[in-house]
Amino acid sequence: MTIHETYIKRCIQIAKLGLGSTRPNPMVGAVIVHDNTIIGEGYTSAYGGSHAEVNAIHAVANKSLLQEATLYVTLEPCSHFGKTPPCSDLIISHKIPNVVIGCIDDNPEVAGKGIKKLQDSGCHVTVGVLEKECKEHHKRFFTFHNKKRPYIILKWAETTNGFIAPKTKSENKPVWITNKTSRQLVHKWRAEEQAILVGTNTVILDNPSLTVRDYTGQNPIRVVLDRNNLLSKEYAVFNNDAETITFKDYTAKDICKHLYKENINSIIIEGGSKTLQLFIDENLWDEARVFTGNILFKEGVKAPKLYGKLIATETIIKDTLKTFTNN
């Protein structure tokens, strides 16, 4: 691993500290190095706050060292005014002579303009260090801008004999297939994504709140499918714990188009088999996280049929978690 790769890897590491709070902005990481020593680090603040480069520069105690330093960053510094001024202008004003960038920003408002502005000022810019890793890290951001839809994560739990739910239930509450540790992990995932989606049957049969209860973080926006207008406001998904968007008439493509307009860059789908299959059949998904619990149902609702690339398998006590990508 080269010295540039070492510091970009550190940028990715600290950038993840912003997961769940920067949305819809990308979670960028920045490191400033002087004489082979890190003198400042920063990651993107919660939405509306400072960007990673700004936080890294502010963290440098002796600002005179910046004129002899190298700034490492996972994503091309912005060159336009948004919620905050352009990061490229701040870099130039501090006369930082070297900038190393993981990947170019595909956002049309940036898309190479930040690099050009830095180069025009006399800054030496290196682009494409750990590019693949940086693009993977920024997958939500790139999916949103390139595909004009949120990054879509499918999630479900199934029994060892392939059922996602029992055929009948005596109460309107979940029948747990996974263990408590796996369920806490799901709440962590909810905190990391901007929205969560379920269908009508899940609301009626389980009455979920779809909030982050077993983990510290921000509740996702709740998206509920209710084609036949069966859901009253008495269900938990309509309480004041989080915003709720309801769709009455929809295809998966329609939903994605609307969420894009609402500036939602990621969503986790926790619906029943029909809701999940809706997105699978329209090929509108990026990642699937499938638990298999150590439990059997004699009969029930079959799990969705998924065709994807298995990229990871892990054991959580007696549960198995498999992660797939849509490649």
C-alpha atoms as a PDB file:
ATOM      1  CA  MET A   1       0.000   0.000   0.000  1.00  0.00           C
ATOM      2  CA  THR A   2       1.403   3.411  -1.009  1.00  0.00           C
ATOM      3  CA  ILE A   3       1.536   6.381   1.352  1.00  0.00           C
ATOM      4  CA  HIS A   4      -1.323   8.035  -0.563  1.00  0.00           C
ATOM      5  CA  GLU A   5      -3.446   4.898  -0.200  1.00  0.00           C
ATOM      6  CA  THR A   6      -2.725   4.733   3.524  1.00  0.00           C
ATOM      7  CA  TYR A   7      -4.087   8.222   4.105  1.00  0.00           C
ATOM      8  CA  ILE A   8      -7.106   7.791   1.798  1.00  0.00           C
ATOM      9  CA  LYS A   9      -7.924   4.603   3.701  1.00  0.00           C
ATOM     10  CA  ARG A  10      -7.871   6.684   6.884  1.00  0.00           C
ATOM     11  CA  CYS A  11     -10.203   9.200   5.195  1.00  0.00           C
ATOM     12  CA  ILE A  12     -12.710   6.426   4.466  1.00  0.00           C
ATOM     13  CA  GLN A  13     -12.436   5.196   8.032  1.00  0.00           C
ATOM     14  CA  ILE A  14     -13.278   8.525   9.647  1.00  0.00           C
ATOM     15  CA  ALA A  15     -15.892   9.374   6.995  1.00  0.00           C
ATOM     16  CA  LYS A  16     -18.041   6.506   8.295  1.00  0.00           C
ATOM     17  CA  LEU A  17     -18.521   8.445  11.526  1.00  0.00           C
ATOM     18  CA  GLY A  18     -21.003  10.579   9.573  1.00  0.00           C
ATOM     19  CA  LEU A  19     -23.145   7.643   8.437  1.00  0.00           C
ATOM     20  CA  GLY A  20     -26.808   8.422   9.048  1.00  0.00           C
ATOM     21  CA  SER A  21     -26.355  12.095   9.926  1.00  0.00           C
ATOM     22  CA  THR A  22     -25.029  13.735   6.738  1.00  0.00           C
ATOM     23  CA  ARG A  23     -27.879  12.595   4.473  1.00  0.00           C
ATOM     24  CA  PRO A  24     -28.623  13.561   1.798  1.00  0.00           C
ATOM     25  CA  ASN A  25     -25.055  14.895   1.605  1.00  0.00           C
ATOM     26  CA  PRO A  26     -22.239  12.370   1.062  1.00  0.00           C
ATOM     27  CA  MET A  27     -20.256  11.280   4.121  1.00  0.00           C
ATOM     28  CA  VAL A  28     -16.794  12.526   3.203  1.00  0.00           C
ATOM     29  CA  GLY A  29     -13.583  12.079   5.157  1.00  0.00           C
ATOM     30  CA  ALA A  30     -10.520  14.363   5.008  1.00  0.00           C
ATOM     31  CA  VAL A  31      -7.008  14.124   6.431  1.00  0.00           C
ATOM     32  CA  ILE A  32      -4.258  16.765   6.361  1.00  0.00           C
ATOM     33  CA  VAL A  33      -0.626  15.576   6.445  1.00  0.00           C
ATOM     34  CA  HIS A  34       2.532  17.609   7.067  1.00  0.00           C
ATOM     35  CA  ASP A  35       5.989  16.026   7.085  1.00  0.00           C
ATOM     36  CA  ASN A  36       4.462  12.489   7.246  1.00  0.00           C
ATOM     37  CA  THR A  37       2.355  13.436  10.263  1.00  0.00           C
ATOM     38  CA  ILE A  38      -1.412  13.894  10.420  1.00  0.00           C
ATOM     39  CA  ILE A  39      -2.075  17.422  11.669  1.00  0.00           C
ATOM     40  CA  GLY A  40      -5.834  17.562  11.067  1.00  0.00           C
ATOM     41  CA  GLU A  41      -8.783  15.271  10.393  1.00  0.00           C
ATOM     42  CA  GLY A  42     -12.458  15.858   9.704  1.00  0.00           C
ATOM     43  CA  TYR A  43     -15.625  14.288   8.393  1.00  0.00           C
ATOM     44  CA  THR A  44     -18.878  15.749   7.127  1.00  0.00           C
ATOM     45  CA  SER A  45     -21.027  17.282   9.857  1.00  0.00           C
ATOM     46  CA  ALA A  46     -24.751  16.637  10.158  1.00  0.00           C
ATOM     47  CA  TYR A  47     -26.712  18.016   7.184  1.00  0.00           C
ATOM     48  CA  GLY A  48     -26.380  21.788   6.953  1.00  0.00           C
ATOM     49  CA  GLY A  49     -23.087  21.793   8.854  1.00  0.00           C
ATOM     50  CA  SER A  50     -19.474  22.004   7.736  1.00  0.00           C
ATOM     51  CA  HIS A  51     -17.991  19.683   5.149  1.00  0.00           C
ATOM     52  CA  ALA A  52     -15.106  17.314   5.887  1.00  0.00           C
ATOM     53  CA  GLU A  53     -12.402  19.558   4.398  1.00  0.00           C
ATOM     54  CA  VAL A  54     -13.561  22.506   6.505  1.00  0.00           C
ATOM     55  CA  ASN A  55     -13.527  20.443   9.700  1.00  0.00           C
ATOM     56  CA  ALA A  56     -10.081  19.059   8.894  1.00  0.00           C
ATOM     57  CA  ILE A  57      -8.636  22.535   8.255  1.00  0.00           C
ATOM     58  CA  HIS A  58     -10.211  23.895  11.434  1.00  0.00           C
ATOM     59  CA  ALA A  59      -8.615  21.007  13.366  1.00  0.00           C
ATOM     60  CA  VAL A  60      -5.096  22.147  12.403  1.00  0.00           C
ATOM     61  CA  ALA A  61      -3.629  24.095  15.318  1.00  0.00           C
ATOM     62  CA  ASN A  62      -0.810  25.797  13.410  1.00  0.00           C
ATOM     63  CA  LYS A  63      -2.414  27.060  10.200  1.00  0.00           C
ATOM     64  CA  SER A  64       0.962  28.107   8.760  1.00  0.00           C
ATOM     65  CA  LEU A  65       1.746  24.407   8.230  1.00  0.00           C
ATOM     66  CA  LEU A  66      -1.068  24.197   5.692  1.00  0.00           C
ATOM     67  CA  GLN A  67       1.126  25.912   3.084  1.00  0.00           C
ATOM     68  CA  GLU A  68       3.435  22.862   3.169  1.00  0.00           C
ATOM     69  CA  ALA A  69       0.773  20.167   3.658  1.00  0.00           C
ATOM     70  CA  THR A  70      -1.186  17.623   1.643  1.00  0.00           C
ATOM     71  CA  LEU A  71      -4.960  17.342   1.949  1.00  0.00           C
ATOM     72  CA  TYR A  72      -6.430  13.875   1.402  1.00  0.00           C
ATOM     73  CA  VAL A  73     -10.174  13.537   0.766  1.00  0.00           C
ATOM     74  CA  THR A  74     -12.503  10.709  -0.323  1.00  0.00           C
ATOM     75  CA  LEU A  75     -14.516  12.856  -2.768  1.00  0.00           C
ATOM     76  CA  GLU A  76     -13.716  15.841  -4.973  1.00  0.00           C
ATOM     77  CA  PRO A  77     -14.051  19.103  -2.987  1.00  0.00           C
ATOM     78  CA  CYS A  78     -17.161  21.085  -3.918  1.00  0.00           C
ATOM     79  CA  SER A  79     -16.875  24.217  -6.038  1.00  0.00           C
ATOM     80  CA  HIS A  80     -20.390  25.638  -5.619  1.00  0.00           C
ATOM     81  CA  PHE A  81     -22.420  27.378  -2.939  1.00  0.00           C
ATOM     82  CA  GLY A  82     -24.950  25.119  -1.218  1.00  0.00           C
ATOM     83  CA  LYS A  83     -25.723  25.087   2.490  1.00  0.00           C
ATOM     84  CA  THR A  84     -22.066  26.076   2.940  1.00  0.00           C
ATOM     85  CA  PRO A  85     -19.442  27.920   0.828  1.00  0.00           C
ATOM     86  CA  PRO A  86     -17.232  25.976  -1.639  1.00  0.00           C
ATOM     87  CA  CYS A  87     -14.576  23.820   0.016  1.00  0.00           C
ATOM     88  CA  SER A  88     -12.234  24.399  -2.927  1.00  0.00           C
ATOM     89  CA  ASP A  89     -12.196  28.131  -2.125  1.00  0.00           C
ATOM     90  CA  LEU A  90     -11.182  27.444   1.484  1.00  0.00           C
ATOM     91  CA  ILE A  91      -8.389  25.095   0.362  1.00  0.00           C
ATOM     92  CA  ILE A  92      -7.108  27.761  -2.023  1.00  0.00           C
ATOM     93  CA  SER A  93      -7.317  30.526   0.589  1.00  0.00           C
ATOM     94  CA  HIS A  94      -5.057  28.504   2.922  1.00  0.00           C
ATOM     95  CA  LYS A  95      -2.621  27.850   0.038  1.00  0.00           C
ATOM     96  CA  ILE A  96      -2.586  24.081   0.541  1.00  0.00           C
ATOM     97  CA  PRO A  97      -0.214  22.988  -2.251  1.00  0.00           C
ATOM     98  CA  ASN A  98      -1.226  19.328  -2.668  1.00  0.00           C
ATOM     99  CA  VAL A  99      -4.637  17.637  -2.741  1.00  0.00           C
ATOM    100  CA  VAL A 100      -5.156  13.879  -3.149  1.00  0.00           C
ATOM    101  CA  ILE A 101      -8.703  12.811  -4.088  1.00  0.00           C
ATOM    102  CA  GLY A 102     -10.233   9.348  -3.948  1.00  0.00           C
ATOM    103  CA  CYS A 103     -12.871   9.856  -6.639  1.00  0.00           C
ATOM    104  CA  ILE A 104     -14.495  12.575  -8.738  1.00  0.00           C
ATOM    105  CA  ASP A 105     -17.894  13.938  -7.669  1.00  0.00           C
ATOM    106  CA  ASP A 106     -20.522  12.964 -10.281  1.00  0.00           C
ATOM    107  CA  ASN A 107     -22.882  15.693  -9.102  1.00  0.00           C
ATOM    108  CA  PRO A 108     -23.295  17.979 -12.155  1.00  0.00           C
ATOM    109  CA  GLU A 109     -22.744  21.006  -9.908  1.00  0.00           C
ATOM    110  CA  VAL A 110     -19.212  19.712  -9.209  1.00  0.00           C
ATOM    111  CA  ALA A 111     -18.100  16.977 -11.696  1.00  0.00           C
ATOM    112  CA  GLY A 112     -14.492  18.074 -12.147  1.00  0.00           C
ATOM    113  CA  LYS A 113     -15.063  21.767 -11.507  1.00  0.00           C
ATOM    114  CA  GLY A 114     -13.584  21.554  -8.017  1.00  0.00           C
ATOM    115  CA  ILE A 115     -10.453  19.889  -9.389  1.00  0.00           C
ATOM    116  CA  LYS A 116     -10.103  22.480 -12.151  1.00  0.00           C
ATOM    117  CA  LYS A 117     -10.474  25.348  -9.687  1.00  0.00           C
ATOM    118  CA  LEU A 118      -7.735  23.874  -7.503  1.00  0.00           C
ATOM    119  CA  GLN A 119      -5.426  23.283 -10.470  1.00  0.00           C
ATOM    120  CA  ASP A 120      -6.006  26.784 -11.821  1.00  0.00           C
ATOM    121  CA  SER A 121      -4.877  28.158  -8.462  1.00  0.00           C
ATOM    122  CA  GLY A 122      -1.573  26.279  -8.766  1.00  0.00           C
ATOM    123  CA  CYS A 123      -2.493  23.359  -6.512  1.00  0.00           C
ATOM    124  CA  HIS A 124      -1.108  19.929  -7.476  1.00  0.00           C
ATOM    125  CA  VAL A 125      -4.052  17.512  -7.602  1.00  0.00           C
ATOM    126  CA  THR A 126      -3.881  13.701  -7.654  1.00  0.00           C
ATOM    127  CA  VAL A 127      -7.107  11.859  -8.482  1.00  0.00           C
ATOM    128  CA  GLY A 128      -8.163   8.211  -8.274  1.00  0.00           C
ATOM    129  CA  VAL A 129      -6.340   6.906  -5.196  1.00  0.00           C
ATOM    130  CA  LEU A 130      -8.316   3.889  -3.877  1.00  0.00           C
ATOM    131  CA  GLU A 131     -10.996   4.980  -6.340  1.00  0.00           C
ATOM    132  CA  LYS A 132     -12.944   1.696  -6.196  1.00  0.00           C
ATOM    133  CA  GLU A 133     -13.052   1.762  -2.392  1.00  0.00           C
ATOM    134  CA  CYS A 134     -14.099   5.419  -2.347  1.00  0.00           C
ATOM    135  CA  LYS A 135     -16.890   4.809  -4.871  1.00  0.00           C
ATOM    136  CA  GLU A 136     -18.137   1.888  -2.779  1.00  0.00           C
ATOM    137  CA  HIS A 137     -18.054   4.107   0.305  1.00  0.00           C
ATOM    138  CA  HIS A 138     -20.063   6.791  -1.537  1.00  0.00           C
ATOM    139  CA  LYS A 139     -22.477   4.284  -3.136  1.00  0.00           C
ATOM    140  CA  ARG A 140     -25.600   6.034  -1.835  1.00  0.00           C
ATOM    141  CA  PHE A 141     -24.473   9.378  -3.208  1.00  0.00           C
ATOM    142  CA  PHE A 142     -23.467   8.007  -6.616  1.00  0.00           C
ATOM    143  CA  THR A 143     -26.630   5.923  -7.016  1.00  0.00           C
ATOM    144  CA  PHE A 144     -28.756   8.970  -6.249  1.00  0.00           C
ATOM    145  CA  HIS A 145     -27.022  11.203  -8.812  1.00  0.00           C
ATOM    146  CA  ASN A 146     -26.350   8.624 -11.527  1.00  0.00           C
ATOM    147  CA  LYS A 147     -29.526   6.517 -11.382  1.00  0.00           C
ATOM    148  CA  LYS A 148     -31.863   9.292 -10.179  1.00  0.00           C
ATOM    149  CA  ARG A 149     -33.202   7.167  -7.346  1.00  0.00           C
ATOM    150  CA  PRO A 150     -32.289   6.175  -3.787  1.00  0.00           C
ATOM    151  CA  TYR A 151     -29.802   3.435  -2.982  1.00  0.00           C
ATOM    152  CA  ILE A 152     -32.130   0.503  -2.214  1.00  0.00           C
ATOM    153  CA  ILE A 153     -31.444  -2.113   0.446  1.00  0.00           C
ATOM    154  CA  LEU A 154     -33.775  -5.103   0.761  1.00  0.00           C
ATOM    155  CA  LYS A 155     -33.961  -6.749   4.166  1.00  0.00           C
ATOM    156  CA  TRP A 156     -35.870  -9.754   5.417  1.00  0.00           C
ATOM    157  CA  ALA A 157     -35.624 -12.713   7.779  1.00  0.00           C
ATOM    158  CA  GLU A 158     -36.659 -16.229   6.827  1.00  0.00           C
ATOM    159  CA  THR A 159     -36.902 -19.558   8.584  1.00  0.00           C
ATOM    160  CA  THR A 160     -34.600 -22.445   7.803  1.00  0.00           C
ATOM    161  CA  ASN A 161     -37.353 -23.858   5.587  1.00  0.00           C
ATOM    162  CA  GLY A 162     -37.819 -20.603   3.645  1.00  0.00           C
ATOM    163  CA  PHE A 163     -40.803 -18.831   5.217  1.00  0.00           C
ATOM    164  CA  ILE A 164     -40.828 -15.092   5.900  1.00  0.00           C
ATOM    165  CA  ALA A 165     -43.936 -15.204   8.131  1.00  0.00           C
ATOM    166  CA  PRO A 166     -46.342 -17.790   9.585  1.00  0.00           C
ATOM    167  CA  LYS A 167     -49.563 -18.527   7.710  1.00  0.00           C
ATOM    168  CA  THR A 168     -51.721 -17.277  10.588  1.00  0.00           C
ATOM    169  CA  LYS A 169     -51.143 -15.247  13.756  1.00  0.00           C
ATOM    170  CA  SER A 170     -53.147 -14.765  16.929  1.00  0.00           C
ATOM    171  CA  GLU A 171     -51.949 -11.173  17.577  1.00  0.00           C
ATOM    172  CA  ASN A 172     -51.085  -8.117  15.465  1.00  0.00           C
ATOM    173  CA  LYS A 173     -47.439  -8.042  16.386  1.00  0.00           C
ATOM    174  CA  PRO A 174     -44.245  -9.500  14.876  1.00  0.00           C
ATOM    175  CA  VAL A 175     -43.388 -13.176  15.142  1.00  0.00           C
ATOM    176  CA  TRP A 176     -39.622 -13.022  15.579  1.00  0.00           C
ATOM    177  CA  ILE A 177     -37.515 -15.269  13.363  1.00  0.00           C
ATOM    178  CA  THR A 178     -34.155 -13.819  14.409  1.00  0.00           C
ATOM    179  CA  ASN A 179     -32.493 -13.299  17.782  1.00  0.00           C
ATOM    180  CA  LYS A 180     -32.291 -10.063  19.739  1.00  0.00           C
ATOM    181  CA  THR A 181     -28.762  -9.252  18.556  1.00  0.00           C
ATOM    182  CA  SER A 182     -29.805  -9.506  14.910  1.00  0.00           C
ATOM    183  CA  ARG A 183     -32.813  -7.283  15.589  1.00  0.00           C
ATOM    184  CA  GLN A 184     -30.588  -4.661  17.199  1.00  0.00           C
ATOM    185  CA  LEU A 185     -28.398  -4.719  14.101  1.00  0.00           C
ATOM    186  CA  VAL A 186     -31.478  -3.969  11.996  1.00  0.00           C
ATOM    187  CA  HIS A 187     -32.154  -0.892  14.139  1.00  0.00           C
ATOM    188  CA  LYS A 188     -28.575   0.214  13.510  1.00  0.00           C
ATOM    189  CA  TRP A 189     -29.245  -0.123   9.775  1.00  0.00           C
ATOM    190  CA  ARG A 190     -32.405   1.973  10.113  1.00  0.00           C
ATOM    191  CA  ALA A 191     -30.356   4.751  11.694  1.00  0.00           C
ATOM    192  CA  GLU A 192     -27.930   4.613   8.752  1.00  0.00           C
ATOM    193  CA  GLU A 193     -30.507   5.016   5.970  1.00  0.00           C
ATOM    194  CA  GLN A 194     -32.676   7.996   5.148  1.00  0.00           C
ATOM    195  CA  ALA A 195     -35.965   6.123   4.720  1.00  0.00           C
ATOM    196  CA  ILE A 196     -37.670   2.795   5.428  1.00  0.00           C
ATOM    197  CA  LEU A 197     -40.512   1.205   3.446  1.00  0.00           C
ATOM    198  CA  VAL A 198     -43.206  -1.380   4.211  1.00  0.00           C
ATOM    199  CA  GLY A 199     -46.462  -2.511   2.626  1.00  0.00           C
ATOM    200  CA  THR A 200     -50.049  -2.572   3.855  1.00  0.00           C
ATOM    201  CA  ASN A 201     -50.010  -6.122   5.214  1.00  0.00           C
ATOM    202  CA  THR A 202     -46.930  -5.496   7.346  1.00  0.00           C
ATOM    203  CA  VAL A 203     -48.637  -2.498   8.974  1.00  0.00           C
ATOM    204  CA  ILE A 204     -51.879  -4.413   9.596  1.00  0.00           C
ATOM    205  CA  LEU A 205     -50.319  -7.670  10.800  1.00  0.00           C
ATOM    206  CA  ASP A 206     -47.348  -6.315  12.800  1.00  0.00           C
ATOM    207  CA  ASN A 207     -48.272  -2.686  13.596  1.00  0.00           C
ATOM    208  CA  PRO A 208     -44.574  -1.653  13.530  1.00  0.00           C
ATOM    209  CA  SER A 209     -43.331   1.813  14.473  1.00  0.00           C
ATOM    210  CA  LEU A 210     -40.318   1.535  12.093  1.00  0.00           C
ATOM    211  CA  THR A 211     -38.175   3.639  14.408  1.00  0.00           C
ATOM    212  CA  VAL A 212     -34.719   3.319  15.943  1.00  0.00           C
ATOM    213  CA  ARG A 213     -35.524   1.978  19.395  1.00  0.00           C
ATOM    214  CA  ASP A 214     -32.680  -0.434  20.139  1.00  0.00           C
ATOM    215  CA  TYR A 215     -29.922   1.811  18.786  1.00  0.00           C
ATOM    216  CA  THR A 216     -28.888   5.444  19.057  1.00  0.00           C
ATOM    217  CA  GLY A 217     -29.595   7.401  15.890  1.00  0.00           C
ATOM    218  CA  GLN A 218     -32.069   9.343  13.808  1.00  0.00           C
ATOM    219  CA  ASN A 219     -35.398   7.742  12.887  1.00  0.00           C
ATOM    220  CA  PRO A 220     -35.741   7.188   9.121  1.00  0.00           C
ATOM    221  CA  ILE A 221     -38.563   8.674   7.080  1.00  0.00           C
ATOM    222  CA  ARG A 222     -41.332   6.057   6.937  1.00  0.00           C
ATOM    223  CA  VAL A 223     -42.744   5.107   3.537  1.00  0.00           C
ATOM    224  CA  VAL A 224     -45.986   3.126   3.569  1.00  0.00           C
ATOM    225  CA  LEU A 225     -47.733   1.474   0.614  1.00  0.00           C
ATOM    226  CA  ASP A 226     -51.538   1.536   0.942  1.00  0.00           C
ATOM    227  CA  ARG A 227     -53.035   0.909  -2.495  1.00  0.00           C
ATOM    228  CA  ASN A 228     -56.521   0.079  -1.205  1.00  0.00           C
ATOM    229  CA  ASN A 229     -56.668   2.771   1.490  1.00  0.00           C
ATOM    230  CA  LEU A 230     -56.946   0.237   4.314  1.00  0.00           C
ATOM    231  CA  LEU A 231     -54.781   1.960   6.914  1.00  0.00           C
ATOM    232  CA  SER A 232     -56.230   4.225   9.590  1.00  0.00           C
ATOM    233  CA  LYS A 233     -54.165   6.852  11.380  1.00  0.00           C
ATOM    234  CA  GLU A 234     -54.316   4.706  14.528  1.00  0.00           C
ATOM    235  CA  TYR A 235     -51.427   2.540  13.354  1.00  0.00           C
ATOM    236  CA  ALA A 236     -48.007   3.213  14.885  1.00  0.00           C
ATOM    237  CA  VAL A 237     -46.433   4.219  11.549  1.00  0.00           C
ATOM    238  CA  PHE A 238     -48.527   7.397  11.644  1.00  0.00           C
ATOM    239  CA  ASN A 239     -47.413   8.586  15.079  1.00  0.00           C
ATOM    240  CA  ASN A 240     -45.221  11.651  15.587  1.00  0.00           C
ATOM    241  CA  ASP A 241     -41.942   9.771  16.015  1.00  0.00           C
ATOM    242  CA  ALA A 242     -40.971  10.308  12.375  1.00  0.00           C
ATOM    243  CA  GLU A 243     -42.271  11.667   9.084  1.00  0.00           C
ATOM    244  CA  THR A 244     -44.463   9.270   7.069  1.00  0.00           C
ATOM    245  CA  ILE A 245     -45.085   9.269   3.291  1.00  0.00           C
ATOM    246  CA  THR A 246     -47.988   7.195   1.949  1.00  0.00           C
ATOM    247  CA  PHE A 247     -48.386   5.843  -1.597  1.00  0.00           C
ATOM    248  CA  LYS A 248     -51.886   4.918  -2.837  1.00  0.00           C
ATOM    249  CA  ASP A 249     -51.105   4.071  -6.462  1.00  0.00           C
ATOM    250  CA  TYR A 250     -47.639   2.946  -7.411  1.00  0.00           C
ATOM    251  CA  THR A 251     -45.050   0.843  -9.144  1.00  0.00           C
ATOM    252  CA  ALA A 252     -41.555   0.478  -7.743  1.00  0.00           C
ATOM    253  CA  LYS A 253     -40.385   2.894 -10.438  1.00  0.00           C
ATOM    254  CA  ASP A 254     -43.022   5.455  -9.385  1.00  0.00           C
ATOM    255  CA  ILE A 255     -41.908   5.216  -5.769  1.00  0.00           C
ATOM    256  CA  CYS A 256     -38.246   5.685  -6.685  1.00  0.00           C
ATOM    257  CA  LYS A 257     -39.055   8.667  -8.879  1.00  0.00           C
ATOM    258  CA  HIS A 258     -40.999  10.381  -6.086  1.00  0.00           C
ATOM    259  CA  LEU A 259     -38.336   9.663  -3.440  1.00  0.00           C
ATOM    260  CA  TYR A 260     -35.678  11.109  -5.755  1.00  0.00           C
ATOM    261  CA  LYS A 261     -37.715  14.319  -6.014  1.00  0.00           C
ATOM    262  CA  GLU A 262     -37.927  14.350  -2.208  1.00  0.00           C
ATOM    263  CA  ASN A 263     -34.089  14.237  -2.094  1.00  0.00           C
ATOM    264  CA  ILE A 264     -34.044  10.838  -0.346  1.00  0.00           C
ATOM    265  CA  ASN A 265     -30.790   9.092  -1.247  1.00  0.00           C
ATOM    266  CA  SER A 266     -31.202   5.737   0.504  1.00  0.00           C
ATOM    267  CA  ILE A 267     -33.986   3.455   1.662  1.00  0.00           C
ATOM    268  CA  ILE A 268     -34.223   0.113   3.426  1.00  0.00           C
ATOM    269  CA  ILE A 269     -37.219  -2.028   2.468  1.00  0.00           C
ATOM    270  CA  GLU A 270     -38.514  -4.179   5.307  1.00  0.00           C
ATOM    271  CA  GLY A 271     -41.865  -5.104   3.834  1.00  0.00           C
ATOM    272  CA  GLY A 272     -43.477  -8.475   3.360  1.00  0.00           C
ATOM    273  CA  SER A 273     -42.825 -10.861   0.524  1.00  0.00           C
ATOM    274  CA  LYS A 274     -45.060  -9.054  -2.006  1.00  0.00           C
ATOM    275  CA  THR A 275     -43.517  -5.654  -1.330  1.00  0.00           C
ATOM    276  CA  LEU A 276     -39.975  -6.979  -1.561  1.00  0.00           C
ATOM    277  CA  GLN A 277     -40.780  -8.934  -4.720  1.00  0.00           C
ATOM    278  CA  LEU A 278     -42.193  -5.748  -6.292  1.00  0.00           C
ATOM    279  CA  PHE A 279     -38.736  -4.155  -6.225  1.00  0.00           C
ATOM    280  CA  ILE A 280     -36.953  -7.380  -7.173  1.00  0.00           C
ATOM    281  CA  ASP A 281     -39.193  -7.925 -10.211  1.00  0.00           C
ATOM    282  CA  GLU A 282     -38.632  -4.346 -11.421  1.00  0.00           C
ATOM    283  CA  ASN A 283     -34.894  -4.795 -10.822  1.00  0.00           C
ATOM    284  CA  LEU A 284     -34.836  -1.798  -8.513  1.00  0.00           C
ATOM    285  CA  TRP A 285     -32.505  -2.840  -5.719  1.00  0.00           C
ATOM    286  CA  ASP A 286     -28.808  -2.550  -4.969  1.00  0.00           C
ATOM    287  CA  GLU A 287     -28.192  -4.680  -1.907  1.00  0.00           C
ATOM    288  CA  ALA A 288     -30.074  -7.411  -0.028  1.00  0.00           C
ATOM    289  CA  ARG A 289     -29.478  -8.455   3.567  1.00  0.00           C
ATOM    290  CA  VAL A 290     -31.142 -11.777   4.329  1.00  0.00           C
ATOM    291  CA  PHE A 291     -31.257 -13.377   7.763  1.00  0.00           C
ATOM    292  CA  THR A 292     -31.946 -17.064   8.269  1.00  0.00           C
ATOM    293  CA  GLY A 293     -33.120 -17.731  11.805  1.00  0.00           C
ATOM    294  CA  ASN A 294     -32.813 -20.967  13.733  1.00  0.00           C
ATOM    295  CA  ILE A 295     -36.554 -21.597  13.578  1.00  0.00           C
ATOM    296  CA  LEU A 296     -39.101 -23.538  11.519  1.00  0.00           C
ATOM    297  CA  PHE A 297     -42.715 -22.805  10.515  1.00  0.00           C
ATOM    298  CA  LYS A 298     -44.878 -25.749   9.468  1.00  0.00           C
ATOM    299  CA  GLU A 299     -46.505 -23.478   6.889  1.00  0.00           C
ATOM    300  CA  GLY A 300     -46.352 -19.798   6.040  1.00  0.00           C
ATOM    301  CA  VAL A 301     -45.550 -17.048   3.544  1.00  0.00           C
ATOM    302  CA  LYS A 302     -42.682 -17.941   1.246  1.00  0.00           C
ATOM    303  CA  ALA A 303     -39.636 -15.667   1.203  1.00  0.00           C
ATOM    304  CA  PRO A 304     -39.000 -13.577  -1.939  1.00  0.00           C
ATOM    305  CA  LYS A 305     -37.096 -15.074  -4.877  1.00  0.00           C
ATOM    306  CA  LEU A 306     -33.840 -13.198  -5.242  1.00  0.00           C
ATOM    307  CA  TYR A 307     -31.145 -13.477  -7.904  1.00  0.00           C
ATOM    308  CA  GLY A 308     -28.012 -11.631  -6.893  1.00  0.00           C
ATOM    309  CA  LYS A 309     -24.331 -12.032  -6.125  1.00  0.00           C
ATOM    310  CA  LEU A 310     -23.518 -13.316  -2.632  1.00  0.00           C
ATOM    311  CA  ILE A 311     -20.732 -11.131  -1.230  1.00  0.00           C
ATOM    312  CA  ALA A 312     -20.723 -11.926   2.491  1.00  0.00           C
ATOM    313  CA  THR A 313     -21.925 -14.492   5.022  1.00  0.00           C
ATOM    314  CA  GLU A 314     -21.715 -14.107   8.773  1.00  0.00           C
ATOM    315  CA  THR A 315     -23.077 -15.808  11.871  1.00  0.00           C
ATOM    316  CA  ILE A 316     -24.893 -13.824  14.561  1.00  0.00           C
ATOM    317  CA  ILE A 317     -25.235 -16.261  17.461  1.00  0.00           C
ATOM    318  CA  LYS A 318     -27.441 -18.897  15.759  1.00  0.00           C
ATOM    319  CA  ASP A 319     -28.668 -16.654  12.920  1.00  0.00           C
ATOM    320  CA  THR A 320     -27.019 -16.506   9.503  1.00  0.00           C
ATOM    321  CA  LEU A 321     -26.807 -13.185   7.644  1.00  0.00           C
ATOM    322  CA  LYS A 322     -26.127 -13.214   3.903  1.00  0.00           C
ATOM    323  CA  THR A 323     -25.487 -10.057   1.893  1.00  0.00           C
ATOM    324  CA  PHE A 324     -26.148  -9.913  -1.844  1.00  0.00           C
ATOM    325  CA  THR A 325     -25.521  -7.248  -4.477  1.00  0.00           C
ATOM    326  CA  ASN A 326     -27.443  -6.715  -7.709  1.00  0.00           C
ATOM    327  CA  ASN A 327     -24.587  -7.231 -10.168  1.00  0.00           C
END
